[in-house]
N, C-alpha and C. Protein backbone atom coordinates (compact mmCIF):
# COMPACT_ATOMS: atom_id res chain seq x y z
N MET A 1 0.84 -1.18 0.00
CA MET A 1 0.00 0.00 0.00
C MET A 1 0.88 1.24 0.00
N SER A 2 0.54 2.20 -0.81
CA SER A 2 1.28 3.46 -0.76
C SER A 2 0.74 4.30 0.38
N VAL A 3 1.43 5.35 0.70
CA VAL A 3 1.04 6.23 1.81
C VAL A 3 -0.18 7.04 1.38
N PRO A 4 -1.26 6.99 2.18
CA PRO A 4 -2.44 7.79 1.84
C PRO A 4 -2.18 9.25 2.13
N PRO A 5 -3.01 10.15 1.59
CA PRO A 5 -2.90 11.55 2.01
C PRO A 5 -3.27 11.62 3.49
N ILE A 6 -2.50 12.41 4.24
CA ILE A 6 -2.66 12.48 5.70
C ILE A 6 -2.85 13.94 6.11
N VAL A 7 -3.82 14.17 6.99
CA VAL A 7 -3.98 15.48 7.63
C VAL A 7 -3.73 15.30 9.11
N VAL A 8 -2.85 16.13 9.65
CA VAL A 8 -2.64 16.21 11.09
C VAL A 8 -3.47 17.40 11.55
N MET A 9 -4.55 17.11 12.28
CA MET A 9 -5.54 18.13 12.64
C MET A 9 -5.46 18.48 14.11
N GLY A 10 -6.13 19.56 14.50
CA GLY A 10 -6.24 19.89 15.90
C GLY A 10 -6.12 21.37 16.16
N VAL A 11 -6.21 21.70 17.43
CA VAL A 11 -6.12 23.10 17.85
C VAL A 11 -4.68 23.59 17.76
N GLN A 12 -4.52 24.91 17.79
CA GLN A 12 -3.17 25.48 17.77
C GLN A 12 -2.40 24.98 18.98
N GLY A 13 -1.11 24.76 18.80
CA GLY A 13 -0.26 24.33 19.90
C GLY A 13 -0.32 22.85 20.20
N SER A 14 -1.10 22.09 19.42
CA SER A 14 -1.21 20.65 19.67
C SER A 14 -0.08 19.85 19.04
N GLY A 15 0.77 20.51 18.27
CA GLY A 15 1.91 19.83 17.67
C GLY A 15 1.69 19.38 16.24
N LYS A 16 0.68 19.95 15.57
CA LYS A 16 0.37 19.53 14.20
C LYS A 16 1.58 19.62 13.28
N SER A 17 2.24 20.77 13.29
CA SER A 17 3.37 20.97 12.37
C SER A 17 4.56 20.11 12.74
N THR A 18 4.86 20.02 14.03
CA THR A 18 5.99 19.19 14.47
C THR A 18 5.75 17.73 14.11
N ILE A 19 4.60 17.22 14.49
CA ILE A 19 4.27 15.81 14.20
C ILE A 19 4.18 15.58 12.71
N GLY A 20 3.53 16.51 12.00
CA GLY A 20 3.38 16.36 10.55
C GLY A 20 4.71 16.31 9.83
N ALA A 21 5.62 17.20 10.18
CA ALA A 21 6.93 17.23 9.53
C ALA A 21 7.72 15.95 9.83
N LEU A 22 7.70 15.52 11.08
CA LEU A 22 8.40 14.28 11.44
C LEU A 22 7.78 13.07 10.76
N LEU A 23 6.46 13.04 10.69
CA LEU A 23 5.77 11.92 10.04
C LEU A 23 6.10 11.88 8.55
N ALA A 24 6.05 13.03 7.90
CA ALA A 24 6.38 13.08 6.47
C ALA A 24 7.81 12.61 6.23
N GLU A 25 8.74 13.05 7.08
CA GLU A 25 10.13 12.61 6.95
C GLU A 25 10.23 11.10 7.12
N ARG A 26 9.56 10.59 8.13
CA ARG A 26 9.58 9.15 8.42
C ARG A 26 9.02 8.33 7.28
N LEU A 27 7.96 8.86 6.63
CA LEU A 27 7.31 8.15 5.52
C LEU A 27 7.96 8.44 4.17
N GLY A 28 8.84 9.43 4.12
CA GLY A 28 9.49 9.79 2.86
C GLY A 28 8.56 10.49 1.89
N VAL A 29 7.64 11.32 2.44
CA VAL A 29 6.71 12.06 1.59
C VAL A 29 6.81 13.55 1.91
N ARG A 30 6.13 14.34 1.12
CA ARG A 30 6.16 15.79 1.26
C ARG A 30 5.31 16.24 2.45
N PHE A 31 5.77 17.28 3.15
CA PHE A 31 5.01 17.92 4.22
C PHE A 31 4.64 19.33 3.80
N LEU A 32 3.42 19.72 4.14
CA LEU A 32 2.96 21.07 3.86
C LEU A 32 2.22 21.58 5.09
N ASP A 33 2.58 22.75 5.57
CA ASP A 33 1.87 23.38 6.67
C ASP A 33 0.70 24.14 6.07
N GLY A 34 -0.51 23.74 6.42
CA GLY A 34 -1.72 24.35 5.87
C GLY A 34 -1.81 25.84 6.14
N ASP A 35 -1.14 26.33 7.19
CA ASP A 35 -1.16 27.76 7.46
C ASP A 35 -0.62 28.56 6.28
N THR A 36 0.30 27.98 5.52
CA THR A 36 0.89 28.70 4.38
C THR A 36 -0.11 28.87 3.24
N LEU A 37 -1.23 28.17 3.31
CA LEU A 37 -2.24 28.25 2.26
C LEU A 37 -3.34 29.27 2.57
N HIS A 38 -3.32 29.85 3.78
CA HIS A 38 -4.33 30.86 4.12
C HIS A 38 -4.16 32.10 3.26
N PRO A 39 -5.25 32.64 2.75
CA PRO A 39 -5.15 33.93 2.05
C PRO A 39 -4.86 35.05 3.05
N ALA A 40 -4.35 36.14 2.56
CA ALA A 40 -3.98 37.27 3.41
C ALA A 40 -5.16 37.76 4.26
N ALA A 41 -6.36 37.71 3.73
CA ALA A 41 -7.54 38.17 4.48
C ALA A 41 -7.75 37.32 5.73
N ASN A 42 -7.57 36.00 5.62
CA ASN A 42 -7.71 35.12 6.78
C ASN A 42 -6.64 35.43 7.83
N ILE A 43 -5.43 35.63 7.38
CA ILE A 43 -4.33 35.93 8.30
C ILE A 43 -4.61 37.23 9.05
N ALA A 44 -5.15 38.21 8.35
CA ALA A 44 -5.47 39.49 8.99
C ALA A 44 -6.55 39.31 10.06
N VAL A 45 -7.55 38.49 9.79
CA VAL A 45 -8.63 38.24 10.75
C VAL A 45 -8.05 37.59 12.01
N MET A 46 -7.23 36.55 11.83
CA MET A 46 -6.66 35.86 12.99
C MET A 46 -5.68 36.75 13.74
N ALA A 47 -4.88 37.50 13.01
CA ALA A 47 -3.91 38.38 13.66
C ALA A 47 -4.60 39.44 14.51
N ALA A 48 -5.84 39.77 14.14
CA ALA A 48 -6.63 40.74 14.91
C ALA A 48 -7.30 40.09 16.11
N GLY A 49 -7.04 38.78 16.32
CA GLY A 49 -7.59 38.09 17.48
C GLY A 49 -9.01 37.58 17.29
N GLN A 50 -9.45 37.52 16.03
CA GLN A 50 -10.80 37.04 15.74
C GLN A 50 -10.74 35.63 15.16
N ALA A 51 -11.68 34.80 15.57
CA ALA A 51 -11.76 33.45 15.02
C ALA A 51 -12.31 33.51 13.60
N LEU A 52 -11.80 32.64 12.75
CA LEU A 52 -12.32 32.56 11.39
C LEU A 52 -13.73 31.98 11.41
N GLN A 53 -14.54 32.47 10.50
CA GLN A 53 -15.89 31.92 10.28
C GLN A 53 -15.82 31.00 9.07
N ASP A 54 -16.86 30.20 8.88
CA ASP A 54 -16.86 29.26 7.76
C ASP A 54 -16.65 29.95 6.42
N GLU A 55 -17.16 31.14 6.25
CA GLU A 55 -16.98 31.86 4.98
C GLU A 55 -15.50 32.11 4.69
N HIS A 56 -14.68 32.22 5.74
CA HIS A 56 -13.23 32.38 5.58
C HIS A 56 -12.56 31.03 5.38
N ARG A 57 -13.04 30.05 6.13
CA ARG A 57 -12.37 28.74 6.14
C ARG A 57 -12.59 27.93 4.86
N LEU A 58 -13.78 28.01 4.28
CA LEU A 58 -14.10 27.10 3.17
C LEU A 58 -13.18 27.24 1.97
N PRO A 59 -12.86 28.45 1.49
CA PRO A 59 -11.91 28.53 0.38
C PRO A 59 -10.54 27.95 0.75
N TRP A 60 -10.11 28.22 1.98
CA TRP A 60 -8.83 27.68 2.46
C TRP A 60 -8.88 26.16 2.52
N LEU A 61 -9.95 25.60 3.08
CA LEU A 61 -10.07 24.14 3.17
C LEU A 61 -10.11 23.51 1.79
N ASN A 62 -10.76 24.16 0.83
CA ASN A 62 -10.76 23.63 -0.54
C ASN A 62 -9.36 23.62 -1.12
N GLU A 63 -8.55 24.63 -0.80
CA GLU A 63 -7.16 24.65 -1.28
C GLU A 63 -6.36 23.52 -0.61
N VAL A 64 -6.57 23.32 0.69
CA VAL A 64 -5.93 22.20 1.37
C VAL A 64 -6.35 20.90 0.69
N GLY A 65 -7.63 20.76 0.39
CA GLY A 65 -8.12 19.57 -0.29
C GLY A 65 -7.47 19.37 -1.66
N ARG A 66 -7.30 20.44 -2.41
CA ARG A 66 -6.63 20.33 -3.71
C ARG A 66 -5.19 19.87 -3.55
N GLN A 67 -4.52 20.37 -2.52
CA GLN A 67 -3.14 19.94 -2.26
C GLN A 67 -3.08 18.46 -1.87
N LEU A 68 -4.06 18.01 -1.07
CA LEU A 68 -4.14 16.59 -0.70
C LEU A 68 -4.33 15.73 -1.94
N ALA A 69 -5.25 16.16 -2.81
CA ALA A 69 -5.52 15.40 -4.03
C ALA A 69 -4.29 15.35 -4.94
N ALA A 70 -3.62 16.49 -5.06
CA ALA A 70 -2.42 16.55 -5.91
C ALA A 70 -1.30 15.69 -5.35
N GLY A 71 -1.22 15.58 -4.03
CA GLY A 71 -0.16 14.81 -3.39
C GLY A 71 -0.49 13.35 -3.19
N SER A 72 -1.70 12.96 -3.52
CA SER A 72 -2.14 11.59 -3.25
C SER A 72 -1.33 10.49 -3.92
N PRO A 73 -0.90 10.64 -5.16
CA PRO A 73 -0.20 9.51 -5.78
C PRO A 73 1.05 9.05 -5.02
N ASP A 74 1.80 9.99 -4.46
CA ASP A 74 3.04 9.64 -3.78
C ASP A 74 2.95 9.74 -2.26
N GLY A 75 1.89 10.36 -1.76
CA GLY A 75 1.73 10.58 -0.34
C GLY A 75 2.07 12.01 0.02
N ILE A 76 1.33 12.56 0.95
CA ILE A 76 1.54 13.92 1.44
C ILE A 76 0.99 13.99 2.85
N VAL A 77 1.62 14.81 3.68
CA VAL A 77 1.15 15.09 5.03
C VAL A 77 0.93 16.59 5.11
N ILE A 78 -0.28 16.99 5.53
CA ILE A 78 -0.59 18.41 5.67
C ILE A 78 -1.08 18.67 7.09
N ALA A 79 -0.50 19.67 7.74
CA ALA A 79 -1.00 20.14 9.03
C ALA A 79 -2.12 21.13 8.75
N CYS A 80 -3.29 20.85 9.30
CA CYS A 80 -4.48 21.67 9.04
C CYS A 80 -5.43 21.51 10.21
N SER A 81 -5.92 22.59 10.77
CA SER A 81 -6.75 22.48 11.96
C SER A 81 -7.94 21.54 11.77
N ALA A 82 -8.69 21.64 10.70
CA ALA A 82 -9.81 20.72 10.38
C ALA A 82 -10.62 20.37 11.62
N LEU A 83 -11.02 21.38 12.38
CA LEU A 83 -11.62 21.17 13.69
C LEU A 83 -13.01 20.52 13.65
N LYS A 84 -13.77 20.75 12.60
CA LYS A 84 -15.13 20.21 12.52
C LYS A 84 -15.19 19.00 11.59
N ARG A 85 -16.12 18.13 11.88
CA ARG A 85 -16.35 16.96 11.01
C ARG A 85 -16.65 17.41 9.59
N SER A 86 -17.45 18.46 9.44
CA SER A 86 -17.80 18.93 8.09
C SER A 86 -16.55 19.38 7.33
N TYR A 87 -15.56 19.93 8.03
CA TYR A 87 -14.32 20.35 7.36
C TYR A 87 -13.56 19.12 6.88
N ARG A 88 -13.51 18.09 7.72
CA ARG A 88 -12.81 16.86 7.33
C ARG A 88 -13.56 16.16 6.20
N ASP A 89 -14.88 16.20 6.21
CA ASP A 89 -15.66 15.64 5.11
C ASP A 89 -15.35 16.37 3.81
N LEU A 90 -15.21 17.70 3.88
CA LEU A 90 -14.85 18.46 2.69
C LEU A 90 -13.48 18.02 2.18
N LEU A 91 -12.53 17.83 3.09
CA LEU A 91 -11.19 17.37 2.67
C LEU A 91 -11.29 15.98 2.04
N ARG A 92 -12.14 15.11 2.60
CA ARG A 92 -12.32 13.77 2.02
C ARG A 92 -12.97 13.83 0.65
N SER A 93 -13.73 14.88 0.38
CA SER A 93 -14.32 15.01 -0.96
C SER A 93 -13.24 15.23 -2.01
N HIS A 94 -12.09 15.73 -1.59
CA HIS A 94 -10.94 15.90 -2.49
C HIS A 94 -10.04 14.67 -2.49
N ALA A 95 -9.94 14.01 -1.35
CA ALA A 95 -9.02 12.87 -1.19
C ALA A 95 -9.74 11.80 -0.35
N ALA A 96 -10.44 10.91 -1.03
CA ALA A 96 -11.31 9.94 -0.35
C ALA A 96 -10.56 9.02 0.61
N SER A 97 -9.30 8.75 0.34
CA SER A 97 -8.54 7.83 1.20
C SER A 97 -7.84 8.54 2.36
N LEU A 98 -8.26 9.75 2.66
CA LEU A 98 -7.65 10.58 3.69
C LEU A 98 -7.53 9.84 5.02
N PHE A 99 -6.36 9.97 5.65
CA PHE A 99 -6.08 9.44 6.98
C PHE A 99 -5.89 10.64 7.90
N ILE A 100 -6.64 10.67 8.99
CA ILE A 100 -6.60 11.79 9.92
C ILE A 100 -5.78 11.42 11.15
N VAL A 101 -4.88 12.31 11.53
CA VAL A 101 -4.14 12.18 12.78
C VAL A 101 -4.59 13.34 13.66
N HIS A 102 -5.07 13.00 14.86
CA HIS A 102 -5.55 14.04 15.77
C HIS A 102 -4.74 14.04 17.06
N PRO A 103 -3.71 14.89 17.15
CA PRO A 103 -3.01 15.05 18.42
C PRO A 103 -3.91 15.84 19.37
N GLN A 104 -4.19 15.25 20.52
CA GLN A 104 -5.06 15.97 21.45
C GLN A 104 -4.50 15.93 22.85
N GLY A 105 -4.91 16.91 23.64
CA GLY A 105 -4.46 16.99 25.01
C GLY A 105 -5.25 18.03 25.77
N PRO A 106 -5.03 18.13 27.05
CA PRO A 106 -5.75 19.08 27.88
C PRO A 106 -5.44 20.53 27.51
N ILE A 107 -6.43 21.37 27.63
CA ILE A 107 -6.27 22.78 27.26
C ILE A 107 -5.17 23.45 28.08
N ASP A 108 -4.98 23.06 29.34
CA ASP A 108 -3.94 23.71 30.15
C ASP A 108 -2.54 23.36 29.64
N VAL A 109 -2.35 22.16 29.14
CA VAL A 109 -1.06 21.76 28.57
C VAL A 109 -0.78 22.56 27.30
N ILE A 110 -1.80 22.67 26.47
CA ILE A 110 -1.62 23.40 25.21
C ILE A 110 -1.46 24.89 25.47
N ALA A 111 -2.19 25.44 26.42
CA ALA A 111 -2.04 26.86 26.77
C ALA A 111 -0.61 27.15 27.23
N ALA A 112 -0.04 26.23 28.01
CA ALA A 112 1.35 26.41 28.46
C ALA A 112 2.30 26.40 27.27
N ARG A 113 2.05 25.53 26.30
CA ARG A 113 2.88 25.51 25.09
C ARG A 113 2.79 26.84 24.35
N LEU A 114 1.57 27.36 24.26
CA LEU A 114 1.38 28.61 23.53
C LEU A 114 2.08 29.79 24.21
N ARG A 115 2.10 29.78 25.54
CA ARG A 115 2.80 30.84 26.26
C ARG A 115 4.30 30.80 25.99
N ALA A 116 4.81 29.64 25.62
CA ALA A 116 6.25 29.46 25.41
C ALA A 116 6.67 29.69 23.96
N ARG A 117 5.73 30.07 23.11
CA ARG A 117 6.08 30.27 21.70
C ARG A 117 5.40 31.51 21.15
N THR A 118 5.87 31.92 19.99
CA THR A 118 5.24 33.02 19.27
C THR A 118 4.84 32.50 17.91
N HIS A 119 3.58 32.72 17.54
CA HIS A 119 3.09 32.31 16.23
C HIS A 119 2.94 33.57 15.38
N GLU A 120 3.24 33.43 14.12
CA GLU A 120 3.24 34.56 13.20
C GLU A 120 1.92 35.34 13.22
N PHE A 121 0.78 34.64 13.27
CA PHE A 121 -0.49 35.35 13.20
C PHE A 121 -1.60 34.77 14.07
N MET A 122 -1.35 33.70 14.80
CA MET A 122 -2.40 33.04 15.56
C MET A 122 -2.21 33.31 17.05
N PRO A 123 -2.92 34.29 17.61
CA PRO A 123 -2.75 34.60 19.03
C PRO A 123 -3.30 33.50 19.93
N ALA A 124 -2.66 33.33 21.07
CA ALA A 124 -3.09 32.32 22.04
C ALA A 124 -4.51 32.57 22.54
N ALA A 125 -4.99 33.80 22.44
CA ALA A 125 -6.34 34.14 22.88
C ALA A 125 -7.41 33.36 22.12
N LEU A 126 -7.07 32.82 20.97
CA LEU A 126 -8.05 32.07 20.17
C LEU A 126 -8.15 30.60 20.56
N LEU A 127 -7.33 30.15 21.51
CA LEU A 127 -7.33 28.73 21.88
C LEU A 127 -8.70 28.26 22.36
N GLN A 128 -9.34 29.00 23.24
CA GLN A 128 -10.64 28.57 23.76
C GLN A 128 -11.66 28.45 22.64
N SER A 129 -11.64 29.39 21.70
CA SER A 129 -12.60 29.32 20.58
C SER A 129 -12.35 28.07 19.74
N GLN A 130 -11.09 27.65 19.65
CA GLN A 130 -10.80 26.43 18.90
C GLN A 130 -11.32 25.20 19.63
N TYR A 131 -11.15 25.16 20.93
CA TYR A 131 -11.71 24.04 21.71
C TYR A 131 -13.23 24.03 21.62
N ASP A 132 -13.84 25.22 21.61
CA ASP A 132 -15.30 25.29 21.49
C ASP A 132 -15.78 24.77 20.14
N THR A 133 -14.98 24.94 19.11
CA THR A 133 -15.32 24.50 17.75
C THR A 133 -14.98 23.03 17.52
N LEU A 134 -13.98 22.52 18.22
CA LEU A 134 -13.45 21.18 17.98
C LEU A 134 -14.51 20.08 18.08
N GLU A 135 -14.57 19.28 17.03
CA GLU A 135 -15.37 18.06 17.00
C GLU A 135 -14.39 16.92 16.80
N PRO A 136 -14.08 16.18 17.88
CA PRO A 136 -13.11 15.09 17.75
C PRO A 136 -13.53 14.08 16.69
N CYS A 137 -12.57 13.38 16.15
CA CYS A 137 -12.85 12.34 15.15
C CYS A 137 -13.77 11.28 15.75
N THR A 138 -14.59 10.73 14.90
CA THR A 138 -15.50 9.67 15.31
C THR A 138 -15.00 8.33 14.78
N ASP A 139 -15.60 7.25 15.27
CA ASP A 139 -15.15 5.91 14.89
C ASP A 139 -15.23 5.63 13.40
N ASP A 140 -16.10 6.33 12.67
CA ASP A 140 -16.22 6.08 11.24
C ASP A 140 -15.24 6.90 10.40
N GLU A 141 -14.36 7.67 11.05
CA GLU A 141 -13.34 8.42 10.34
C GLU A 141 -12.03 7.65 10.40
N ARG A 142 -11.43 7.44 9.23
CA ARG A 142 -10.17 6.71 9.15
C ARG A 142 -9.06 7.55 9.77
N GLY A 143 -8.39 6.99 10.78
CA GLY A 143 -7.31 7.73 11.38
C GLY A 143 -6.99 7.28 12.79
N ILE A 144 -6.28 8.14 13.51
CA ILE A 144 -5.82 7.82 14.85
C ILE A 144 -5.79 9.11 15.68
N THR A 145 -6.14 8.98 16.95
CA THR A 145 -5.99 10.06 17.91
C THR A 145 -4.79 9.72 18.78
N VAL A 146 -3.91 10.70 18.99
CA VAL A 146 -2.70 10.48 19.76
C VAL A 146 -2.62 11.49 20.90
N ASP A 147 -1.94 11.11 21.96
CA ASP A 147 -1.80 11.93 23.16
C ASP A 147 -0.59 12.84 23.03
N ILE A 148 -0.79 14.15 23.13
CA ILE A 148 0.31 15.10 22.91
C ILE A 148 1.35 15.10 24.01
N VAL A 149 1.08 14.43 25.13
CA VAL A 149 2.09 14.43 26.19
C VAL A 149 3.23 13.47 25.88
N GLU A 150 3.03 12.58 24.92
CA GLU A 150 4.12 11.68 24.52
C GLU A 150 5.11 12.44 23.64
N PRO A 151 6.36 12.01 23.60
CA PRO A 151 7.34 12.66 22.72
C PRO A 151 6.92 12.53 21.25
N PRO A 152 7.20 13.56 20.44
CA PRO A 152 6.81 13.51 19.03
C PRO A 152 7.28 12.26 18.28
N VAL A 153 8.48 11.80 18.57
CA VAL A 153 9.00 10.60 17.88
C VAL A 153 8.15 9.39 18.23
N THR A 154 7.72 9.26 19.48
CA THR A 154 6.85 8.16 19.89
C THR A 154 5.50 8.28 19.21
N ILE A 155 4.97 9.48 19.12
CA ILE A 155 3.69 9.71 18.44
C ILE A 155 3.79 9.27 16.98
N VAL A 156 4.87 9.67 16.32
CA VAL A 156 5.05 9.31 14.91
C VAL A 156 5.11 7.78 14.75
N GLU A 157 5.79 7.10 15.63
CA GLU A 157 5.86 5.64 15.53
C GLU A 157 4.49 5.01 15.73
N ARG A 158 3.66 5.58 16.60
CA ARG A 158 2.29 5.08 16.78
C ARG A 158 1.49 5.26 15.49
N ILE A 159 1.67 6.40 14.85
CA ILE A 159 0.95 6.68 13.60
C ILE A 159 1.40 5.71 12.51
N VAL A 160 2.70 5.52 12.37
CA VAL A 160 3.22 4.60 11.36
C VAL A 160 2.70 3.19 11.61
N ALA A 161 2.66 2.77 12.87
CA ALA A 161 2.13 1.44 13.21
C ALA A 161 0.65 1.33 12.84
N ALA A 162 -0.11 2.40 13.08
CA ALA A 162 -1.54 2.38 12.72
C ALA A 162 -1.72 2.30 11.21
N LEU A 163 -0.91 3.03 10.48
CA LEU A 163 -0.97 2.97 9.02
C LEU A 163 -0.59 1.58 8.52
N ALA A 164 0.47 1.02 9.08
CA ALA A 164 0.93 -0.30 8.67
C ALA A 164 -0.10 -1.38 8.99
N ALA A 165 -0.80 -1.22 10.11
CA ALA A 165 -1.81 -2.21 10.50
C ALA A 165 -2.96 -2.28 9.51
N GLU A 166 -3.15 -1.22 8.74
CA GLU A 166 -4.22 -1.22 7.74
C GLU A 166 -3.86 -2.03 6.50
N THR A 167 -2.59 -2.36 6.35
CA THR A 167 -2.17 -3.13 5.18
C THR A 167 -2.12 -4.61 5.51
N LYS A 168 -2.21 -5.43 4.50
CA LYS A 168 -2.19 -6.88 4.72
C LYS A 168 -0.89 -7.37 5.31
N GLY A 169 0.22 -6.87 4.77
CA GLY A 169 1.52 -7.33 5.25
C GLY A 169 2.06 -6.52 6.41
N GLY A 170 1.35 -5.47 6.78
CA GLY A 170 1.81 -4.65 7.89
C GLY A 170 2.96 -3.73 7.52
N GLU A 171 3.21 -3.55 6.24
CA GLU A 171 4.30 -2.67 5.80
C GLU A 171 3.73 -1.60 4.88
N LEU A 172 4.34 -0.45 4.88
CA LEU A 172 3.98 0.63 4.00
C LEU A 172 5.07 0.83 2.96
N ASP A 173 4.68 1.14 1.74
CA ASP A 173 5.66 1.58 0.77
C ASP A 173 6.25 2.88 1.29
N HIS A 174 7.42 3.23 0.92
CA HIS A 174 8.11 4.47 1.27
C HIS A 174 8.64 4.51 2.71
N VAL A 175 8.42 3.49 3.50
CA VAL A 175 8.85 3.54 4.89
C VAL A 175 10.18 2.80 5.04
N ASP A 176 11.14 3.46 5.64
CA ASP A 176 12.42 2.82 5.94
C ASP A 176 12.23 1.96 7.17
N ASN A 177 12.06 0.67 6.97
CA ASN A 177 11.75 -0.24 8.08
C ASN A 177 12.92 -0.44 9.03
N HIS A 178 14.08 0.02 8.69
CA HIS A 178 15.22 -0.11 9.61
C HIS A 178 15.09 0.81 10.81
N THR A 179 14.24 1.84 10.70
CA THR A 179 14.09 2.77 11.81
C THR A 179 12.90 2.42 12.68
N ARG A 180 12.26 1.31 12.42
CA ARG A 180 11.07 0.92 13.19
C ARG A 180 11.44 0.32 14.50
């Protein structure tokens, strides 16, 4: 089995970009941070401390979906908040074999992470609004939920194991099995 398109979803500070980049490296596929796909208008809204509304998110999510579809033949990992089920369904409309990774953890842990970093345009004040919007993955969504308190390398190995378990032989194309 080749590597399916993968979205690492979740609230800000949950480790989407860190986990996504490490996972892409581990799988030997391209990584893309979905934040780079936001139009300038969305960035201005968030930088002003306002949560995006669906009218802002939908064009961005469609662009993320196009990138997933374009990256599907060889595999791609994209970090993208995808907080609502409807957003993930929209992404699946572009890439039906989408695999979702949801790093999750307590709001106090993530708030502490946010206090220790600076984000280009996403203020920590929006964290509660993201938790209010968050709809965790359900059993009928292909993917895995991981605990953010584990080290990123351990999280990535859990994800790779979950992906491999979906294949008959337990191996993924593009994966260097010597590092397992």
